């Protein structure tokens, strides 16, 4: 069982290694998954054979070598992708090394066969290089940009409404079958009747047993209820209105929220937001500068909406 689990982990690592570029540039066509076969053991040259490996080298395939330090980095990469991979498990390192050597054998044979010169490989390499170039220039253009706490405080003070907690109203409802019955119930409520008790006695809604309590809500259950409760203050009762299950009356039992979140609670997220916004602006400005130097032409006729709208 342990060996089977370990083999699965190593094969996952193998698949990640072979399709690494696809993680950035997914293939346009879906590929039918196939069951991976167990990797055959590779006859790795050991240090005690007649041709000893150079000092510090863990494995050698043709002219390719991998040091112990490089292998340790591979292990870190595998653990990042496969969280339950444990290099201390018996045979784990050997199986991973075997898979790396197997891949290198295939890579070297592919190069001997000239596969690196095929159009598909050349295109994929170019696309991957382009992705790395974009990532690098973005990093170079934005690496020194940051937001200060002074920036954050100014934004916090100037945009106070953005940091207010959402207003929540605790609603109670009474639902009856007819408008006439609803009006009679409303009279009882307005004459001082206990809304929760009347809901238990008269309501046919699902909240009947708990006195019509709908709990705290930022939005009412449906538009008509939202309109009825919108202007009500704490303790306020609505007029009769029609809803999905009959005729309704609602009461605002309590209101909470609306107060401003303390600066210290939002400081970290606010600094991240302002940094990102400044980086995006700097990048947009840089693109405009480049546009002045490199001619851009777009045939907009080819991307016009053809839906007839």
Protein backbone atom coordinates (compact mmCIF):
# COMPACT_ATOMS: atom_id res chain seq x y z
CA UNK A 1 0.00 0.00 0.00
CA UNK A 2 2.82 2.39 0.92
CA UNK A 3 4.66 1.65 -2.32
CA UNK A 4 1.50 2.21 -4.34
CA UNK A 5 0.90 5.57 -2.70
CA UNK A 6 4.51 6.60 -3.22
CA UNK A 7 4.37 5.57 -6.87
CA UNK A 8 1.28 7.73 -7.34
CA UNK A 9 3.07 10.74 -5.85
CA UNK A 10 6.13 10.23 -8.04
CA UNK A 11 4.01 9.78 -11.18
CA UNK A 12 2.17 13.00 -10.36
CA UNK A 13 5.54 14.71 -10.14
CA UNK A 14 6.42 13.19 -13.50
CA UNK A 15 3.29 14.55 -15.13
CA UNK A 16 3.89 18.00 -13.67
CA UNK A 17 7.44 17.98 -14.96
CA UNK A 18 6.40 16.99 -18.48
CA UNK A 19 3.52 19.45 -18.80
CA UNK A 20 4.98 22.32 -16.79
CA UNK A 21 4.56 24.74 -19.67
CA UNK A 22 0.89 23.87 -19.94
CA UNK A 23 0.34 25.21 -16.44
CA UNK A 24 1.03 28.66 -17.88
CA UNK A 25 -0.27 28.11 -21.43
CA UNK A 26 -3.01 25.44 -21.26
CA UNK A 27 -3.53 23.43 -24.46
CA UNK A 28 -6.39 24.61 -26.65
CA UNK A 29 -7.80 21.09 -27.05
CA UNK A 30 -8.78 18.83 -24.18
CA UNK A 31 -6.63 15.73 -23.91
CA UNK A 32 -8.26 12.47 -22.93
CA UNK A 33 -6.66 11.33 -19.67
CA UNK A 34 -4.84 8.02 -19.70
CA UNK A 35 -3.85 5.81 -16.81
CA UNK A 36 -0.17 6.29 -16.04
CA UNK A 37 1.96 3.17 -16.07
CA UNK A 38 4.58 2.58 -13.41
CA UNK A 39 7.95 4.01 -14.36
CA UNK A 40 10.42 1.20 -15.11
CA UNK A 41 13.53 1.11 -13.00
CA UNK A 42 16.55 2.76 -14.59
CA UNK A 43 20.04 1.33 -14.27
CA UNK A 44 21.60 4.35 -12.55
CA UNK A 45 25.40 4.42 -12.40
CA UNK A 46 26.38 4.26 -8.74
CA UNK A 47 29.36 5.95 -7.14
CA UNK A 48 31.00 2.60 -6.37
CA UNK A 49 30.99 1.44 -10.04
CA UNK A 50 34.10 1.47 -12.20
CA UNK A 51 33.36 5.00 -13.42
CA UNK A 52 32.92 7.04 -10.22
CA UNK A 53 30.83 10.20 -10.32
CA UNK A 54 32.54 13.57 -9.87
CA UNK A 55 32.61 14.96 -6.34
CA UNK A 56 29.22 16.27 -5.22
CA UNK A 57 27.37 14.80 -8.21
CA UNK A 58 24.37 12.61 -7.37
CA UNK A 59 23.50 11.41 -10.87
CA UNK A 60 24.92 11.63 -14.40
CA UNK A 61 23.10 10.90 -17.66
CA UNK A 62 25.33 11.40 -20.69
CA UNK A 63 26.78 14.87 -20.21
CA UNK A 64 23.99 15.94 -17.86
CA UNK A 65 24.65 15.94 -14.12
CA UNK A 66 22.66 16.70 -11.01
CA UNK A 67 24.21 17.56 -7.66
CA UNK A 68 22.82 16.70 -4.24
CA UNK A 69 21.87 20.37 -3.74
CA UNK A 70 19.95 20.38 -7.02
CA UNK A 71 18.17 17.18 -6.01
CA UNK A 72 17.18 18.77 -2.71
CA UNK A 73 15.64 21.65 -4.66
CA UNK A 74 13.71 19.12 -6.75
CA UNK A 75 12.35 17.60 -3.54
CA UNK A 76 11.18 21.03 -2.37
CA UNK A 77 9.41 21.54 -5.67
CA UNK A 78 7.70 18.16 -5.41
CA UNK A 79 6.53 18.93 -1.85
CA UNK A 80 5.05 22.21 -3.05
CA UNK A 81 2.99 20.34 -5.66
CA UNK A 82 2.20 17.18 -3.70
CA UNK A 83 1.62 18.13 -0.08
CA UNK A 84 1.70 14.58 1.31
CA UNK A 85 5.03 13.68 -0.30
CA UNK A 86 7.43 12.58 2.44
CA UNK A 87 11.05 12.21 1.33
CA UNK A 88 11.82 10.35 4.57
CA UNK A 89 9.52 7.50 3.61
CA UNK A 90 11.57 4.42 2.66
CA UNK A 91 12.29 4.40 -1.06
CA UNK A 92 10.88 7.88 -1.70
CA UNK A 93 14.14 9.53 -2.73
CA UNK A 94 15.19 6.54 -4.83
CA UNK A 95 11.91 6.50 -6.75
CA UNK A 96 12.05 10.25 -7.33
CA UNK A 97 15.65 10.04 -8.53
CA UNK A 98 14.72 7.16 -10.82
CA UNK A 99 11.93 9.28 -12.35
CA UNK A 100 14.26 12.25 -12.89
CA UNK A 101 16.84 10.03 -14.60
CA UNK A 102 14.10 8.45 -16.73
CA UNK A 103 12.95 11.88 -17.85
CA UNK A 104 16.50 12.91 -18.70
CA UNK A 105 16.95 9.78 -20.83
CA UNK A 106 13.80 10.64 -22.77
CA UNK A 107 14.88 14.28 -23.14
CA UNK A 108 18.28 13.33 -24.51
CA UNK A 109 16.79 10.82 -26.93
CA UNK A 110 14.23 13.40 -28.08
CA UNK A 111 17.06 15.83 -28.82
CA UNK A 112 18.93 13.15 -30.74
CA UNK A 113 15.77 12.62 -32.78
CA UNK A 114 15.61 16.36 -33.49
CA UNK A 115 12.22 16.84 -31.84
CA UNK A 116 13.32 20.20 -30.46
CA UNK A 117 13.21 21.52 -34.02
CA UNK A 118 9.56 20.67 -34.67
CA UNK A 119 7.14 23.55 -35.17
CA UNK A 120 5.06 22.53 -32.15
CA UNK A 121 8.06 22.56 -29.79
CA UNK A 122 9.46 25.79 -31.20
CA UNK A 123 6.06 27.49 -30.78
CA UNK A 124 5.66 26.23 -27.22
CA UNK A 125 9.19 27.36 -26.30
CA UNK A 126 8.55 30.78 -27.80
CA UNK A 127 5.24 31.16 -25.94
CA UNK A 128 6.86 30.10 -22.68
CA UNK A 129 9.73 32.55 -23.23
CA UNK A 130 7.23 35.33 -23.95
CA UNK A 131 5.40 34.57 -20.71
CA UNK A 132 8.63 34.74 -18.73
CA UNK A 133 9.62 37.99 -20.44
CA UNK A 134 6.30 39.63 -19.56
CA UNK A 135 6.58 38.44 -15.97
CA UNK A 136 10.13 39.77 -15.72
CA UNK A 137 9.45 43.21 -17.20
CA UNK A 138 6.42 43.61 -14.93
CA UNK A 139 8.61 42.69 -11.96
CA UNK A 140 11.32 45.13 -13.02
CA UNK A 141 8.86 47.96 -13.53
CA UNK A 142 7.02 47.49 -10.22
CA UNK A 143 9.55 46.03 -7.76
CA UNK A 144 10.39 49.39 -6.13
CA UNK A 145 6.79 50.59 -5.84
CA UNK A 146 5.19 50.41 -2.44
CA UNK A 147 2.49 52.13 -0.42
CA UNK A 148 3.29 53.99 2.79
CA UNK A 149 1.19 54.11 5.92
CA UNK A 150 0.72 57.81 5.24
CA UNK A 151 -0.89 56.87 1.90
CA UNK A 152 -3.12 54.36 3.67
CA UNK A 153 -4.28 56.80 6.34
CA UNK A 154 -5.07 59.47 3.76
CA UNK A 155 -7.13 57.01 1.74
CA UNK A 156 -8.89 55.74 4.87
CA UNK A 157 -9.92 59.25 5.91
CA UNK A 158 -10.96 60.36 2.42
CA UNK A 159 -13.01 57.23 1.68
CA UNK A 160 -14.66 56.51 5.01
CA UNK A 161 -17.83 55.04 3.52
CA UNK A 162 -15.80 52.19 2.00
CA UNK A 163 -14.82 51.02 5.49
CA UNK A 164 -18.24 51.03 7.12
CA UNK A 165 -19.65 47.73 8.25
CA UNK A 166 -22.70 46.58 6.31
CA UNK A 167 -26.00 47.51 7.91
CA UNK A 168 -27.97 44.44 8.99
CA UNK A 169 -31.58 44.40 10.06
CA UNK A 170 -33.14 41.68 12.17
CA UNK A 171 -36.56 41.11 10.64
CA UNK A 172 -39.66 39.29 11.83
CA UNK A 173 -42.45 38.32 9.45
CA UNK A 174 -46.09 37.37 9.61
CA UNK A 175 -47.47 35.56 6.55
CA UNK A 176 -51.18 34.95 6.01
CA UNK A 177 -53.32 33.78 3.11
CA UNK A 178 -55.45 36.85 2.34
CA UNK A 179 -55.03 40.61 2.32
CA UNK A 180 -58.06 41.05 4.58
CA UNK A 181 -56.57 38.71 7.18
CA UNK A 182 -53.26 40.56 6.94
CA UNK A 183 -54.96 43.90 7.58
CA UNK A 184 -56.69 42.48 10.67
CA UNK A 185 -53.34 41.20 11.96
CA UNK A 186 -51.72 44.58 11.30
CA UNK A 187 -54.40 46.29 13.42
CA UNK A 188 -53.61 43.92 16.30
CA UNK A 189 -49.90 44.71 16.01
CA UNK A 190 -50.45 48.48 15.85
CA UNK A 191 -52.70 48.28 18.91
CA UNK A 192 -49.77 46.95 20.91
CA UNK A 193 -49.94 43.23 20.29
CA UNK A 194 -46.72 41.25 20.63
CA UNK A 195 -45.46 40.72 17.08
CA UNK A 196 -43.61 37.48 17.87
CA UNK A 197 -46.59 35.93 19.67
CA UNK A 198 -49.00 36.96 16.91
CA UNK A 199 -46.62 35.38 14.39
CA UNK A 200 -46.75 32.12 16.34
CA UNK A 201 -50.53 32.24 16.51
CA UNK A 202 -51.44 33.55 13.07
CA UNK A 203 -48.55 33.14 10.61
CA UNK A 204 -48.42 30.29 8.11
CA UNK A 205 -44.79 30.97 7.19
CA UNK A 206 -41.83 28.68 7.84
CA UNK A 207 -40.68 31.02 10.63
CA UNK A 208 -43.95 30.63 12.57
CA UNK A 209 -42.47 28.54 15.41
CA UNK A 210 -39.75 31.09 16.28
CA UNK A 211 -42.04 34.08 16.20
CA UNK A 212 -41.39 34.98 12.57
CA UNK A 213 -37.70 35.67 13.22
CA UNK A 214 -35.68 35.86 9.97
CA UNK A 215 -32.43 36.77 11.73
CA UNK A 216 -30.06 39.57 10.77
CA UNK A 217 -29.94 40.25 7.04
CA UNK A 218 -28.13 42.70 4.81
CA UNK A 219 -30.75 41.99 2.14
CA UNK A 220 -34.37 40.97 2.54
CA UNK A 221 -35.67 37.67 1.20
CA UNK A 222 -37.37 39.19 -1.88
CA UNK A 223 -37.76 42.65 -3.47
CA UNK A 224 -41.16 43.51 -2.00
CA UNK A 225 -39.91 42.74 1.50
CA UNK A 226 -36.76 44.80 0.86
CA UNK A 227 -38.87 47.77 -0.22
CA UNK A 228 -41.14 47.41 2.82
CA UNK A 229 -38.26 47.29 5.31
CA UNK A 230 -35.96 49.82 3.62
CA UNK A 231 -37.14 52.91 5.51
CA UNK A 232 -38.11 51.23 8.77
CA UNK A 233 -36.16 52.06 11.90
CA UNK A 234 -35.68 49.78 14.90
CA UNK A 235 -39.11 48.70 16.14
CA UNK A 236 -40.84 49.81 12.94
CA UNK A 237 -43.64 47.75 11.37
CA UNK A 238 -44.46 47.70 7.66
CA UNK A 239 -47.83 47.93 5.97
CA UNK A 240 -49.31 44.87 4.26
CA UNK A 241 -47.58 43.72 1.07
CA UNK A 242 -47.82 40.67 -1.16
CA UNK A 243 -45.05 38.07 -1.45
CA UNK A 244 -44.33 34.54 -2.67
CA UNK A 245 -46.36 32.75 0.05
CA UNK A 246 -49.21 35.17 0.63
CA UNK A 247 -49.56 38.55 2.32
CA UNK A 248 -46.82 39.80 4.64
CA UNK A 249 -46.14 42.18 7.47
CA UNK A 250 -42.57 42.69 8.70
CA UNK A 251 -41.07 44.29 11.77
CA UNK A 252 -37.50 45.52 12.21
CA UNK A 253 -36.56 43.95 15.53
CA UNK A 254 -33.00 45.31 15.66
CA UNK A 255 -30.34 47.05 13.54
CA UNK A 256 -26.58 46.65 13.67
CA UNK A 257 -23.59 47.71 11.59
CA UNK A 258 -23.01 50.97 9.77
CA UNK A 259 -20.12 51.98 11.99
CA UNK A 260 -16.63 52.51 10.57
CA UNK A 261 -14.12 49.68 10.86
CA UNK A 262 -11.05 50.82 12.88
CA UNK A 263 -8.02 51.72 10.77
CA UNK A 264 -5.78 49.11 12.43
CA UNK A 265 -8.15 46.34 11.33
CA UNK A 266 -7.93 47.31 7.65
CA UNK A 267 -4.37 48.67 7.50
CA UNK A 268 -2.69 45.53 6.16
CA UNK A 269 -5.23 44.92 3.40
CA UNK A 270 -5.35 48.62 2.57
CA UNK A 271 -1.57 48.80 2.12
CA UNK A 272 -1.71 45.78 -0.21
CA UNK A 273 -4.54 47.34 -2.21
CA UNK A 274 -2.78 50.69 -2.59
CA UNK A 275 0.50 49.02 -3.57
CA UNK A 276 -1.24 46.97 -6.24
CA UNK A 277 -3.09 50.01 -7.55
CA UNK A 278 0.12 52.02 -7.79
CA UNK A 279 1.87 49.14 -9.53
CA UNK A 280 -0.95 48.82 -12.05
CA UNK A 281 -0.84 52.55 -12.74
CA UNK A 282 2.92 52.50 -13.18
CA UNK A 283 2.64 49.60 -15.60
CA UNK A 284 -0.12 51.34 -17.57
CA UNK A 285 2.06 54.48 -17.82
CA UNK A 286 5.00 52.39 -19.02
CA UNK A 287 2.87 50.73 -21.72
CA UNK A 288 1.83 54.18 -22.97
CA UNK A 289 5.49 55.19 -23.18
CA UNK A 290 6.35 52.09 -25.16
CA UNK A 291 3.43 52.74 -27.51
CA UNK A 292 5.11 56.00 -28.50
CA UNK A 293 8.15 54.04 -29.68
CA UNK A 294 6.59 50.92 -31.23
CA UNK A 295 3.88 51.16 -33.87
CA UNK A 296 0.68 49.26 -33.11
CA UNK A 297 -1.96 48.43 -35.71
CA UNK A 298 -5.22 46.58 -35.07
CA UNK A 299 -7.76 45.50 -37.68
CA UNK A 300 -10.88 46.16 -35.62
CA UNK A 301 -13.14 44.92 -38.43
CA UNK A 302 -12.01 41.38 -37.61
CA UNK A 303 -13.13 41.60 -33.98
CA UNK A 304 -16.44 43.38 -34.47
CA UNK A 305 -19.42 41.82 -32.71
CA UNK A 306 -21.18 39.61 -35.23
CA UNK A 307 -24.20 38.78 -33.07
CA UNK A 308 -26.25 41.47 -34.77
CA UNK A 309 -26.61 43.57 -31.64
